[in-house]
Amino acid sequence: GAALCGGAYAAGIVAQPTWQPIFVDGQQVEMEAYNINGNNYVKLRDFAQTLSNTSCRFDVSWDAANQNINLITKTKYSGPATAPATSGSDQTAYVYNKGLLVNGYTTDVDAYTINGNTYFKLRDLATLVDAYVYYDAGSKEIYVVTEM
């Protein structure tokens, strides 16, 4: 690829579809997720929609003028509804290099763009909205808990 920003290359990396089941408060959910460098990344809007009826709900909007994603906690997701997961093959992921504001404050978390959608590390996203994530190595299942 062409050199950008003083020699850094905007090279894509491989994102493999996550095959592990994801549960939110005990219910299995369908969410488009990818494994990138050993971590699970979920589509931001899928996660917002999935948590919309929990205490960890949040809304998402795009600020085109400032090139920021705005995430507002404790607010019901306003849409649009997300399409069901269609992945099943490896995709190319690019480092997301625009901003993320949480309740108006700049937040630095790992994110990638895959097919025009932004994916955040599940653990980071859960932390931002006061949810808890744990992985059951025995069953190879991912659990998101919003009520302790």
N, C-alpha and C. Protein backbone atom coordinates (compact mmCIF):
# COMPACT_ATOMS: atom_id res chain seq x y z
N GLY A 1 0.82 -1.20 0.00
CA GLY A 1 0.00 0.00 0.00
C GLY A 1 0.85 1.24 0.00
N ALA A 2 0.22 2.37 -0.21
CA ALA A 2 0.93 3.64 -0.23
C ALA A 2 1.26 4.06 1.20
N ALA A 3 2.39 4.72 1.34
CA ALA A 3 2.81 5.18 2.67
C ALA A 3 1.92 6.33 3.12
N LEU A 4 1.52 6.30 4.37
CA LEU A 4 0.71 7.36 4.97
C LEU A 4 1.40 7.86 6.22
N CYS A 5 1.22 9.10 6.56
CA CYS A 5 1.68 9.64 7.85
C CYS A 5 3.13 9.29 8.14
N GLY A 6 4.01 9.66 7.26
CA GLY A 6 5.43 9.48 7.55
C GLY A 6 5.91 8.05 7.53
N GLY A 7 5.33 7.23 6.67
CA GLY A 7 5.87 5.90 6.47
C GLY A 7 5.06 4.78 7.08
N ALA A 8 4.05 5.09 7.88
CA ALA A 8 3.20 4.01 8.42
C ALA A 8 2.31 3.50 7.30
N TYR A 9 2.05 2.23 7.29
CA TYR A 9 1.22 1.67 6.25
C TYR A 9 -0.15 1.34 6.81
N ALA A 10 -1.19 1.67 6.05
CA ALA A 10 -2.56 1.35 6.47
C ALA A 10 -2.89 -0.05 5.99
N ALA A 11 -2.16 -1.01 6.51
CA ALA A 11 -2.34 -2.39 6.08
C ALA A 11 -3.49 -3.02 6.86
N GLY A 12 -4.27 -3.82 6.17
CA GLY A 12 -5.34 -4.53 6.85
C GLY A 12 -4.79 -5.77 7.54
N ILE A 13 -5.49 -6.20 8.57
CA ILE A 13 -5.13 -7.44 9.24
C ILE A 13 -6.32 -8.39 9.17
N VAL A 14 -6.06 -9.65 9.42
CA VAL A 14 -7.11 -10.66 9.28
C VAL A 14 -8.03 -10.65 10.50
N ALA A 15 -9.32 -10.61 10.23
CA ALA A 15 -10.34 -10.73 11.28
C ALA A 15 -11.10 -12.02 11.00
N GLN A 16 -11.05 -12.94 11.95
CA GLN A 16 -11.72 -14.23 11.78
C GLN A 16 -13.06 -14.21 12.51
N PRO A 17 -14.13 -14.72 11.89
CA PRO A 17 -15.42 -14.76 12.59
C PRO A 17 -15.30 -15.49 13.93
N THR A 18 -15.91 -14.91 14.96
CA THR A 18 -15.91 -15.54 16.28
C THR A 18 -16.96 -16.63 16.27
N TRP A 19 -16.55 -17.84 16.60
CA TRP A 19 -17.48 -18.96 16.60
C TRP A 19 -18.02 -19.25 17.99
N GLN A 20 -17.44 -18.61 19.00
CA GLN A 20 -17.88 -18.87 20.37
C GLN A 20 -19.25 -18.22 20.61
N PRO A 21 -20.15 -18.94 21.27
CA PRO A 21 -21.47 -18.36 21.58
C PRO A 21 -21.31 -17.19 22.54
N ILE A 22 -22.13 -16.16 22.35
CA ILE A 22 -22.14 -15.00 23.23
C ILE A 22 -23.49 -14.95 23.94
N PHE A 23 -23.43 -14.81 25.26
CA PHE A 23 -24.64 -14.73 26.08
C PHE A 23 -24.69 -13.37 26.76
N VAL A 24 -25.87 -12.77 26.81
CA VAL A 24 -26.07 -11.54 27.57
C VAL A 24 -27.12 -11.85 28.63
N ASP A 25 -26.71 -11.72 29.89
CA ASP A 25 -27.59 -12.03 31.03
C ASP A 25 -28.26 -13.40 30.87
N GLY A 26 -27.46 -14.38 30.42
CA GLY A 26 -27.93 -15.75 30.33
C GLY A 26 -28.62 -16.13 29.04
N GLN A 27 -28.94 -15.16 28.19
CA GLN A 27 -29.61 -15.45 26.91
C GLN A 27 -28.60 -15.39 25.78
N GLN A 28 -28.58 -16.44 24.95
CA GLN A 28 -27.66 -16.42 23.80
C GLN A 28 -28.13 -15.36 22.81
N VAL A 29 -27.19 -14.60 22.27
CA VAL A 29 -27.51 -13.53 21.33
C VAL A 29 -26.75 -13.73 20.02
N GLU A 30 -27.33 -13.19 18.97
CA GLU A 30 -26.66 -13.18 17.66
C GLU A 30 -26.00 -11.82 17.51
N MET A 31 -24.71 -11.83 17.41
CA MET A 31 -23.98 -10.59 17.24
C MET A 31 -22.84 -10.84 16.27
N GLU A 32 -22.63 -9.93 15.35
CA GLU A 32 -21.50 -10.09 14.44
C GLU A 32 -20.23 -9.79 15.21
N ALA A 33 -19.36 -10.77 15.30
CA ALA A 33 -18.13 -10.63 16.09
C ALA A 33 -16.97 -11.26 15.35
N TYR A 34 -15.80 -10.69 15.56
CA TYR A 34 -14.59 -11.20 14.93
C TYR A 34 -13.49 -11.33 15.98
N ASN A 35 -12.60 -12.30 15.75
CA ASN A 35 -11.42 -12.46 16.58
C ASN A 35 -10.27 -11.79 15.84
N ILE A 36 -9.67 -10.80 16.50
CA ILE A 36 -8.53 -10.09 15.94
C ILE A 36 -7.41 -10.16 16.97
N ASN A 37 -6.32 -10.78 16.60
CA ASN A 37 -5.16 -10.91 17.51
C ASN A 37 -5.55 -11.50 18.86
N GLY A 38 -6.46 -12.48 18.86
CA GLY A 38 -6.82 -13.18 20.09
C GLY A 38 -7.88 -12.51 20.94
N ASN A 39 -8.44 -11.39 20.47
CA ASN A 39 -9.49 -10.71 21.20
C ASN A 39 -10.76 -10.66 20.37
N ASN A 40 -11.91 -10.69 21.05
CA ASN A 40 -13.19 -10.62 20.34
C ASN A 40 -13.63 -9.18 20.19
N TYR A 41 -13.99 -8.84 18.97
CA TYR A 41 -14.47 -7.51 18.63
C TYR A 41 -15.90 -7.63 18.13
N VAL A 42 -16.78 -6.75 18.62
CA VAL A 42 -18.19 -6.78 18.21
C VAL A 42 -18.55 -5.47 17.53
N LYS A 43 -19.55 -5.56 16.65
CA LYS A 43 -20.03 -4.37 15.96
C LYS A 43 -20.70 -3.47 16.99
N LEU A 44 -20.31 -2.22 17.02
CA LEU A 44 -20.79 -1.28 18.03
C LEU A 44 -22.32 -1.22 18.08
N ARG A 45 -22.97 -1.09 16.92
CA ARG A 45 -24.43 -0.97 16.90
C ARG A 45 -25.12 -2.27 17.32
N ASP A 46 -24.52 -3.41 16.99
CA ASP A 46 -25.08 -4.69 17.45
C ASP A 46 -25.08 -4.74 18.97
N PHE A 47 -23.98 -4.32 19.56
CA PHE A 47 -23.85 -4.36 21.02
C PHE A 47 -24.85 -3.39 21.66
N ALA A 48 -25.00 -2.22 21.06
CA ALA A 48 -25.96 -1.23 21.57
C ALA A 48 -27.38 -1.79 21.51
N GLN A 49 -27.71 -2.41 20.39
CA GLN A 49 -29.07 -2.98 20.24
C GLN A 49 -29.29 -4.12 21.22
N THR A 50 -28.27 -4.95 21.40
CA THR A 50 -28.37 -6.11 22.30
C THR A 50 -28.58 -5.68 23.75
N LEU A 51 -27.97 -4.57 24.15
CA LEU A 51 -28.07 -4.12 25.54
C LEU A 51 -29.20 -3.10 25.76
N SER A 52 -30.01 -2.84 24.75
CA SER A 52 -30.97 -1.74 24.83
C SER A 52 -32.03 -1.89 25.93
N ASN A 53 -32.29 -3.11 26.38
CA ASN A 53 -33.27 -3.29 27.45
C ASN A 53 -32.62 -3.66 28.77
N THR A 54 -31.35 -3.28 28.93
CA THR A 54 -30.64 -3.57 30.18
C THR A 54 -30.24 -2.26 30.85
N SER A 55 -29.73 -2.34 32.07
CA SER A 55 -29.26 -1.15 32.78
C SER A 55 -27.99 -0.59 32.15
N CYS A 56 -27.35 -1.36 31.29
CA CYS A 56 -26.10 -0.93 30.63
C CYS A 56 -26.36 -0.39 29.22
N ARG A 57 -27.61 -0.06 28.94
CA ARG A 57 -27.95 0.42 27.59
C ARG A 57 -27.17 1.69 27.25
N PHE A 58 -26.98 1.88 25.94
CA PHE A 58 -26.30 3.09 25.46
C PHE A 58 -26.74 3.38 24.04
N ASP A 59 -26.61 4.64 23.66
CA ASP A 59 -26.95 5.05 22.31
C ASP A 59 -25.67 5.43 21.58
N VAL A 60 -25.74 5.38 20.26
CA VAL A 60 -24.59 5.63 19.41
C VAL A 60 -25.01 6.58 18.30
N SER A 61 -24.18 7.55 18.02
CA SER A 61 -24.42 8.40 16.85
C SER A 61 -23.08 8.76 16.21
N TRP A 62 -23.15 9.18 14.97
CA TRP A 62 -21.95 9.55 14.22
C TRP A 62 -21.97 11.05 14.00
N ASP A 63 -20.91 11.71 14.39
CA ASP A 63 -20.76 13.15 14.19
C ASP A 63 -19.86 13.33 12.97
N ALA A 64 -20.48 13.52 11.80
CA ALA A 64 -19.73 13.58 10.55
C ALA A 64 -18.79 14.79 10.52
N ALA A 65 -19.23 15.91 11.07
CA ALA A 65 -18.42 17.13 11.03
C ALA A 65 -17.09 16.94 11.75
N ASN A 66 -17.13 16.26 12.90
CA ASN A 66 -15.92 16.07 13.71
C ASN A 66 -15.31 14.68 13.58
N GLN A 67 -15.96 13.82 12.76
CA GLN A 67 -15.46 12.46 12.54
C GLN A 67 -15.34 11.69 13.85
N ASN A 68 -16.37 11.77 14.68
CA ASN A 68 -16.39 11.08 15.97
C ASN A 68 -17.61 10.19 16.08
N ILE A 69 -17.43 9.07 16.75
CA ILE A 69 -18.57 8.28 17.21
C ILE A 69 -18.90 8.81 18.60
N ASN A 70 -20.18 9.08 18.84
CA ASN A 70 -20.63 9.52 20.15
C ASN A 70 -21.39 8.38 20.81
N LEU A 71 -20.96 8.01 22.00
CA LEU A 71 -21.61 6.96 22.77
C LEU A 71 -22.15 7.62 24.04
N ILE A 72 -23.46 7.49 24.26
CA ILE A 72 -24.11 8.08 25.44
C ILE A 72 -24.63 6.93 26.30
N THR A 73 -24.09 6.81 27.50
CA THR A 73 -24.49 5.71 28.38
C THR A 73 -25.86 5.99 29.01
N LYS A 74 -26.47 4.92 29.52
CA LYS A 74 -27.76 4.97 30.22
C LYS A 74 -28.88 5.56 29.35
N THR A 75 -28.74 5.40 28.03
CA THR A 75 -29.72 5.92 27.08
C THR A 75 -30.08 4.80 26.12
N LYS A 76 -31.37 4.61 25.87
CA LYS A 76 -31.81 3.52 25.00
C LYS A 76 -31.31 3.75 23.57
N TYR A 77 -30.89 2.67 22.95
CA TYR A 77 -30.40 2.72 21.56
C TYR A 77 -31.51 3.18 20.63
N SER A 78 -31.20 4.16 19.78
CA SER A 78 -32.22 4.75 18.91
C SER A 78 -32.19 4.22 17.49
N GLY A 79 -31.28 3.29 17.19
CA GLY A 79 -31.29 2.70 15.86
C GLY A 79 -30.19 3.25 14.99
N PRO A 80 -30.11 2.83 13.76
CA PRO A 80 -31.03 1.90 13.10
C PRO A 80 -30.84 0.46 13.59
N ALA A 81 -31.85 -0.35 13.35
CA ALA A 81 -31.76 -1.78 13.71
C ALA A 81 -30.62 -2.38 12.90
N THR A 82 -29.91 -3.29 13.50
CA THR A 82 -28.78 -3.90 12.81
C THR A 82 -29.23 -5.17 12.10
N ALA A 83 -28.54 -5.46 11.02
CA ALA A 83 -28.84 -6.67 10.26
C ALA A 83 -28.27 -7.87 11.00
N PRO A 84 -28.87 -9.04 10.82
CA PRO A 84 -28.30 -10.23 11.47
C PRO A 84 -26.88 -10.49 10.96
N ALA A 85 -26.12 -11.17 11.76
CA ALA A 85 -24.74 -11.48 11.39
C ALA A 85 -24.70 -12.27 10.09
N THR A 86 -23.84 -11.86 9.19
CA THR A 86 -23.73 -12.53 7.90
C THR A 86 -22.34 -13.11 7.69
N SER A 87 -21.44 -12.84 8.62
CA SER A 87 -20.07 -13.28 8.41
C SER A 87 -20.01 -14.80 8.43
N GLY A 88 -18.89 -15.29 8.09
CA GLY A 88 -18.70 -16.72 8.04
C GLY A 88 -17.35 -16.94 7.40
N SER A 89 -16.76 -15.85 6.97
CA SER A 89 -15.44 -15.95 6.35
C SER A 89 -14.55 -14.85 6.92
N ASP A 90 -13.25 -15.05 6.79
CA ASP A 90 -12.31 -14.04 7.26
C ASP A 90 -12.53 -12.74 6.51
N GLN A 91 -12.34 -11.64 7.21
CA GLN A 91 -12.48 -10.31 6.61
C GLN A 91 -11.19 -9.54 6.88
N THR A 92 -11.02 -8.44 6.15
CA THR A 92 -9.88 -7.57 6.39
C THR A 92 -10.32 -6.46 7.32
N ALA A 93 -9.56 -6.26 8.40
CA ALA A 93 -9.85 -5.22 9.38
C ALA A 93 -8.79 -4.14 9.29
N TYR A 94 -9.24 -2.89 9.41
CA TYR A 94 -8.33 -1.74 9.40
C TYR A 94 -8.47 -1.01 10.72
N VAL A 95 -7.36 -0.54 11.27
CA VAL A 95 -7.40 0.18 12.53
C VAL A 95 -8.31 1.40 12.38
N TYR A 96 -9.26 1.55 13.30
CA TYR A 96 -10.17 2.69 13.33
C TYR A 96 -9.38 3.88 13.86
N ASN A 97 -9.29 4.92 13.05
CA ASN A 97 -8.42 6.04 13.43
C ASN A 97 -9.19 7.34 13.60
N LYS A 98 -10.48 7.24 13.86
CA LYS A 98 -11.27 8.43 14.14
C LYS A 98 -11.57 8.45 15.64
N GLY A 99 -12.38 9.39 16.08
CA GLY A 99 -12.59 9.55 17.51
C GLY A 99 -13.75 8.76 18.08
N LEU A 100 -13.68 8.52 19.37
CA LEU A 100 -14.79 7.96 20.14
C LEU A 100 -14.97 8.84 21.36
N LEU A 101 -16.17 9.40 21.50
CA LEU A 101 -16.50 10.17 22.69
C LEU A 101 -17.53 9.39 23.49
N VAL A 102 -17.30 9.26 24.79
CA VAL A 102 -18.24 8.62 25.70
C VAL A 102 -18.74 9.71 26.63
N ASN A 103 -20.04 10.00 26.54
CA ASN A 103 -20.65 11.08 27.33
C ASN A 103 -19.87 12.39 27.17
N GLY A 104 -19.37 12.62 25.96
CA GLY A 104 -18.68 13.87 25.65
C GLY A 104 -17.18 13.87 25.88
N TYR A 105 -16.65 12.79 26.45
CA TYR A 105 -15.22 12.73 26.74
C TYR A 105 -14.50 11.79 25.78
N THR A 106 -13.38 12.25 25.25
CA THR A 106 -12.57 11.43 24.35
C THR A 106 -12.11 10.18 25.08
N THR A 107 -12.26 9.05 24.41
CA THR A 107 -11.89 7.77 24.98
C THR A 107 -10.99 7.04 24.00
N ASP A 108 -9.95 6.43 24.51
CA ASP A 108 -8.99 5.74 23.66
C ASP A 108 -9.14 4.23 23.86
N VAL A 109 -9.80 3.58 22.90
CA VAL A 109 -9.94 2.13 22.94
C VAL A 109 -9.61 1.57 21.57
N ASP A 110 -9.20 0.30 21.55
CA ASP A 110 -8.88 -0.36 20.29
C ASP A 110 -10.16 -0.60 19.49
N ALA A 111 -10.11 -0.27 18.22
CA ALA A 111 -11.25 -0.52 17.35
C ALA A 111 -10.75 -0.75 15.92
N TYR A 112 -11.58 -1.45 15.17
CA TYR A 112 -11.26 -1.73 13.77
C TYR A 112 -12.49 -1.46 12.91
N THR A 113 -12.23 -1.15 11.65
CA THR A 113 -13.30 -1.00 10.68
C THR A 113 -13.27 -2.23 9.77
N ILE A 114 -14.43 -2.87 9.66
CA ILE A 114 -14.58 -4.05 8.80
C ILE A 114 -15.82 -3.80 7.95
N ASN A 115 -15.64 -3.82 6.66
CA ASN A 115 -16.75 -3.60 5.72
C ASN A 115 -17.57 -2.37 6.07
N GLY A 116 -16.90 -1.29 6.45
CA GLY A 116 -17.58 -0.02 6.71
C GLY A 116 -18.22 0.10 8.08
N ASN A 117 -18.11 -0.94 8.91
CA ASN A 117 -18.66 -0.89 10.27
C ASN A 117 -17.52 -0.89 11.28
N THR A 118 -17.78 -0.28 12.43
CA THR A 118 -16.76 -0.19 13.46
C THR A 118 -16.97 -1.27 14.51
N TYR A 119 -15.89 -1.96 14.83
CA TYR A 119 -15.90 -3.05 15.80
C TYR A 119 -14.98 -2.68 16.95
N PHE A 120 -15.49 -2.85 18.18
CA PHE A 120 -14.70 -2.55 19.37
C PHE A 120 -14.44 -3.83 20.14
N LYS A 121 -13.31 -3.85 20.88
CA LYS A 121 -13.00 -4.99 21.72
C LYS A 121 -14.13 -5.14 22.74
N LEU A 122 -14.71 -6.33 22.82
CA LEU A 122 -15.87 -6.57 23.67
C LEU A 122 -15.61 -6.15 25.11
N ARG A 123 -14.46 -6.50 25.66
CA ARG A 123 -14.16 -6.14 27.05
C ARG A 123 -14.11 -4.63 27.25
N ASP A 124 -13.49 -3.93 26.30
CA ASP A 124 -13.41 -2.46 26.41
C ASP A 124 -14.80 -1.84 26.38
N LEU A 125 -15.61 -2.30 25.44
CA LEU A 125 -16.95 -1.76 25.28
C LEU A 125 -17.79 -2.02 26.52
N ALA A 126 -17.69 -3.23 27.05
CA ALA A 126 -18.44 -3.57 28.26
C ALA A 126 -18.02 -2.66 29.41
N THR A 127 -16.73 -2.43 29.56
CA THR A 127 -16.23 -1.56 30.62
C THR A 127 -16.80 -0.15 30.49
N LEU A 128 -16.88 0.36 29.27
CA LEU A 128 -17.38 1.72 29.04
C LEU A 128 -18.84 1.88 29.49
N VAL A 129 -19.61 0.79 29.42
CA VAL A 129 -21.05 0.89 29.76
C VAL A 129 -21.38 0.17 31.06
N ASP A 130 -20.36 -0.14 31.87
CA ASP A 130 -20.53 -0.77 33.19
C ASP A 130 -21.09 -2.18 33.14
N ALA A 131 -20.79 -2.90 32.08
CA ALA A 131 -21.14 -4.33 32.02
C ALA A 131 -19.87 -5.12 32.34
N TYR A 132 -20.05 -6.41 32.56
CA TYR A 132 -18.93 -7.28 32.90
C TYR A 132 -18.87 -8.40 31.86
N VAL A 133 -17.68 -8.75 31.42
CA VAL A 133 -17.51 -9.84 30.45
C VAL A 133 -16.62 -10.91 31.06
N TYR A 134 -17.04 -12.15 30.89
CA TYR A 134 -16.11 -13.23 31.25
C TYR A 134 -16.21 -14.35 30.23
N TYR A 135 -15.12 -15.07 30.13
CA TYR A 135 -15.00 -16.16 29.16
C TYR A 135 -14.91 -17.46 29.93
N ASP A 136 -15.76 -18.40 29.59
CA ASP A 136 -15.74 -19.72 30.22
C ASP A 136 -14.88 -20.62 29.34
N ALA A 137 -13.65 -20.85 29.79
CA ALA A 137 -12.70 -21.63 28.98
C ALA A 137 -13.17 -23.07 28.79
N GLY A 138 -13.91 -23.59 29.76
CA GLY A 138 -14.40 -24.97 29.65
C GLY A 138 -15.42 -25.13 28.54
N SER A 139 -16.42 -24.26 28.53
CA SER A 139 -17.48 -24.35 27.52
C SER A 139 -17.17 -23.52 26.28
N LYS A 140 -16.12 -22.70 26.36
CA LYS A 140 -15.73 -21.79 25.28
C LYS A 140 -16.88 -20.85 24.93
N GLU A 141 -17.53 -20.32 25.96
CA GLU A 141 -18.63 -19.38 25.78
C GLU A 141 -18.26 -18.03 26.38
N ILE A 142 -18.81 -16.98 25.78
CA ILE A 142 -18.55 -15.61 26.23
C ILE A 142 -19.82 -15.11 26.92
N TYR A 143 -19.65 -14.55 28.12
CA TYR A 143 -20.80 -14.06 28.89
C TYR A 143 -20.66 -12.56 29.14
N VAL A 144 -21.72 -11.83 28.86
CA VAL A 144 -21.82 -10.43 29.19
C VAL A 144 -22.89 -10.33 30.28
N VAL A 145 -22.54 -9.69 31.39
CA VAL A 145 -23.45 -9.57 32.52
C VAL A 145 -23.71 -8.10 32.79
N THR A 146 -25.00 -7.71 32.80
CA THR A 146 -25.34 -6.32 33.05
C THR A 146 -25.91 -6.11 34.45
N GLU A 147 -26.36 -7.18 35.09
CA GLU A 147 -26.91 -7.08 36.44
C GLU A 147 -26.09 -7.97 37.35
N MET A 148 -25.53 -7.39 38.40
CA MET A 148 -24.71 -8.19 39.33
C MET A 148 -25.53 -8.57 40.55
